[in-house]
Amino acid sequence: MPEVNQYLFSNKELLEMLIKQAGVHEGKWILMANLGFSAGNFGPSPDQMSPGGVVAVLQMGIQRASPETPEQAVVDAAVFNPASSSTSKRRPSERSPASQKG
């Protein structure tokens, strides 16, 4: 059997994994990306340089969905990752929100 060297996931699958990893059990969530942008001169040789830009994905995360968000982009944590009776008695995850460094 050949060795697997790639795994691909849809945006919805990533969202579901992040909801579980964050220990979220309620609310409607969407996938978000924190992007960085850098401008520069690019080209195959110094004579063929052109202004351009590079976009980098710095972080991936989840964000509460607004009421206007298309349903196809939303995962309801209460349906996908419901709290079990033992989960509801545990302390919340030690993960820090995106607004804090962590």
C-alpha atoms as a PDB file:
ATOM      1  CA  MET A   1       0.000   0.000   0.000  1.00  0.00           C
ATOM      2  CA  PRO A   2       1.493   3.404  -0.945  1.00  0.00           C
ATOM      3  CA  GLU A   3       2.437   5.860   1.776  1.00  0.00           C
ATOM      4  CA  VAL A   4       0.007   8.761   2.153  1.00  0.00           C
ATOM      5  CA  ASN A   5       1.782  12.112   1.861  1.00  0.00           C
ATOM      6  CA  GLN A   6      -1.150  14.524   1.446  1.00  0.00           C
ATOM      7  CA  TYR A   7      -4.480  15.140   3.126  1.00  0.00           C
ATOM      8  CA  LEU A   8      -6.907  17.682   1.687  1.00  0.00           C
ATOM      9  CA  PHE A   9      -9.841  19.193   3.556  1.00  0.00           C
ATOM     10  CA  SER A  10     -12.714  21.390   2.439  1.00  0.00           C
ATOM     11  CA  ASN A  11     -13.384  24.696   4.180  1.00  0.00           C
ATOM     12  CA  LYS A  12     -16.348  23.102   5.969  1.00  0.00           C
ATOM     13  CA  GLU A  13     -14.189  20.200   7.194  1.00  0.00           C
ATOM     14  CA  LEU A  14     -11.562  22.642   8.520  1.00  0.00           C
ATOM     15  CA  LEU A  15     -14.281  24.619  10.277  1.00  0.00           C
ATOM     16  CA  GLU A  16     -15.650  21.471  11.919  1.00  0.00           C
ATOM     17  CA  MET A  17     -12.162  20.425  13.102  1.00  0.00           C
ATOM     18  CA  LEU A  18     -11.447  23.880  14.548  1.00  0.00           C
ATOM     19  CA  ILE A  19     -14.793  23.939  16.377  1.00  0.00           C
ATOM     20  CA  LYS A  20     -13.946  20.608  18.006  1.00  0.00           C
ATOM     21  CA  GLN A  21     -10.356  21.661  18.787  1.00  0.00           C
ATOM     22  CA  ALA A  22     -11.544  24.891  20.428  1.00  0.00           C
ATOM     23  CA  GLY A  23     -14.129  22.992  22.503  1.00  0.00           C
ATOM     24  CA  VAL A  24     -17.008  25.120  21.197  1.00  0.00           C
ATOM     25  CA  HIS A  25     -20.484  23.643  21.800  1.00  0.00           C
ATOM     26  CA  GLU A  26     -22.862  26.463  20.887  1.00  0.00           C
ATOM     27  CA  GLY A  27     -23.328  29.164  18.312  1.00  0.00           C
ATOM     28  CA  LYS A  28     -23.005  29.378  14.555  1.00  0.00           C
ATOM     29  CA  TRP A  29     -19.464  29.751  13.264  1.00  0.00           C
ATOM     30  CA  ILE A  30     -17.581  30.476  10.030  1.00  0.00           C
ATOM     31  CA  LEU A  31     -13.996  29.888   8.942  1.00  0.00           C
ATOM     32  CA  MET A  32     -11.729  32.936   8.987  1.00  0.00           C
ATOM     33  CA  ALA A  33      -8.207  33.671   7.822  1.00  0.00           C
ATOM     34  CA  ASN A  34      -5.797  36.320   9.031  1.00  0.00           C
ATOM     35  CA  LEU A  35      -3.836  37.471   5.981  1.00  0.00           C
ATOM     36  CA  GLY A  36      -0.577  39.360   5.596  1.00  0.00           C
ATOM     37  CA  PHE A  37       0.357  41.355   2.501  1.00  0.00           C
ATOM     38  CA  SER A  38       3.751  42.474   1.249  1.00  0.00           C
ATOM     39  CA  ALA A  39       4.600  44.529  -1.827  1.00  0.00           C
ATOM     40  CA  GLY A  40       7.793  44.280  -3.813  1.00  0.00           C
ATOM     41  CA  ASN A  41       9.392  44.043  -7.218  1.00  0.00           C
ATOM     42  CA  PHE A  42       9.293  40.577  -8.738  1.00  0.00           C
ATOM     43  CA  GLY A  43      10.464  38.995 -11.956  1.00  0.00           C
ATOM     44  CA  PRO A  44      12.500  36.188 -13.469  1.00  0.00           C
ATOM     45  CA  SER A  45      15.451  38.546 -14.082  1.00  0.00           C
ATOM     46  CA  PRO A  46      16.438  42.108 -13.121  1.00  0.00           C
ATOM     47  CA  ASP A  47      15.413  43.312 -16.607  1.00  0.00           C
ATOM     48  CA  GLN A  48      11.883  41.889 -16.195  1.00  0.00           C
ATOM     49  CA  MET A  49      11.018  43.231 -12.750  1.00  0.00           C
ATOM     50  CA  SER A  50       7.438  44.346 -12.117  1.00  0.00           C
ATOM     51  CA  PRO A  51       5.660  45.646  -9.019  1.00  0.00           C
ATOM     52  CA  GLY A  52       3.679  42.932  -7.315  1.00  0.00           C
ATOM     53  CA  GLY A  53       2.365  41.607  -4.072  1.00  0.00           C
ATOM     54  CA  VAL A  54       2.448  38.499  -1.939  1.00  0.00           C
ATOM     55  CA  VAL A  55      -0.431  37.356   0.248  1.00  0.00           C
ATOM     56  CA  ALA A  56       0.394  35.019   3.134  1.00  0.00           C
ATOM     57  CA  VAL A  57      -2.063  33.109   5.316  1.00  0.00           C
ATOM     58  CA  LEU A  58      -0.833  33.967   8.815  1.00  0.00           C
ATOM     59  CA  GLN A  59      -3.523  32.235  10.891  1.00  0.00           C
ATOM     60  CA  MET A  60      -6.737  30.276  10.457  1.00  0.00           C
ATOM     61  CA  GLY A  61      -9.568  30.441  12.949  1.00  0.00           C
ATOM     62  CA  ILE A  62     -13.294  30.540  13.575  1.00  0.00           C
ATOM     63  CA  GLN A  63     -15.578  33.527  13.967  1.00  0.00           C
ATOM     64  CA  ARG A  64     -19.211  33.807  15.014  1.00  0.00           C
ATOM     65  CA  ALA A  65     -21.435  34.014  11.974  1.00  0.00           C
ATOM     66  CA  SER A  66     -23.600  37.078  11.443  1.00  0.00           C
ATOM     67  CA  PRO A  67     -27.277  36.627  10.540  1.00  0.00           C
ATOM     68  CA  GLU A  68     -26.467  37.597   6.917  1.00  0.00           C
ATOM     69  CA  THR A  69     -23.829  34.867   6.485  1.00  0.00           C
ATOM     70  CA  PRO A  70     -24.785  32.331   3.780  1.00  0.00           C
ATOM     71  CA  GLU A  71     -25.903  29.094   5.445  1.00  0.00           C
ATOM     72  CA  GLN A  72     -23.505  27.082   3.237  1.00  0.00           C
ATOM     73  CA  ALA A  73     -20.533  28.677   5.060  1.00  0.00           C
ATOM     74  CA  VAL A  74     -21.894  28.152   8.595  1.00  0.00           C
ATOM     75  CA  VAL A  75     -21.500  25.281  11.056  1.00  0.00           C
ATOM     76  CA  ASP A  76     -23.781  25.171  14.090  1.00  0.00           C
ATOM     77  CA  ALA A  77     -21.602  23.971  16.962  1.00  0.00           C
ATOM     78  CA  ALA A  78     -24.643  22.832  18.975  1.00  0.00           C
ATOM     79  CA  VAL A  79     -25.504  20.399  16.163  1.00  0.00           C
ATOM     80  CA  PHE A  80     -22.001  19.373  15.055  1.00  0.00           C
ATOM     81  CA  ASN A  81     -20.250  19.304  18.447  1.00  0.00           C
ATOM     82  CA  PRO A  82     -22.952  19.095  21.148  1.00  0.00           C
ATOM     83  CA  ALA A  83     -21.886  19.289  24.776  1.00  0.00           C
ATOM     84  CA  SER A  84     -22.076  15.988  26.604  1.00  0.00           C
ATOM     85  CA  SER A  85     -23.069  15.836  30.261  1.00  0.00           C
ATOM     86  CA  SER A  86     -19.413  15.290  31.257  1.00  0.00           C
ATOM     87  CA  THR A  87     -18.244  18.162  29.017  1.00  0.00           C
ATOM     88  CA  SER A  88     -20.637  20.666  30.549  1.00  0.00           C
ATOM     89  CA  LYS A  89     -19.176  20.000  34.010  1.00  0.00           C
ATOM     90  CA  ARG A  90     -15.560  20.581  32.914  1.00  0.00           C
ATOM     91  CA  ARG A  91     -13.835  23.943  33.025  1.00  0.00           C
ATOM     92  CA  PRO A  92     -13.682  25.879  29.749  1.00  0.00           C
ATOM     93  CA  SER A  93     -10.690  25.330  27.500  1.00  0.00           C
ATOM     94  CA  GLU A  94      -7.478  27.114  28.420  1.00  0.00           C
ATOM     95  CA  ARG A  95      -7.187  28.333  24.804  1.00  0.00           C
ATOM     96  CA  SER A  96      -7.014  32.070  24.603  1.00  0.00           C
ATOM     97  CA  PRO A  97      -9.287  34.059  22.306  1.00  0.00           C
ATOM     98  CA  ALA A  98      -7.793  35.512  19.139  1.00  0.00           C
ATOM     99  CA  SER A  99      -7.628  38.945  20.754  1.00  0.00           C
ATOM    100  CA  GLN A 100      -5.012  37.634  23.217  1.00  0.00           C
ATOM    101  CA  LYS A 101      -1.600  36.252  22.376  1.00  0.00           C
ATOM    102  CA  GLY A 102      -1.300  32.556  22.964  1.00  0.00           C
END
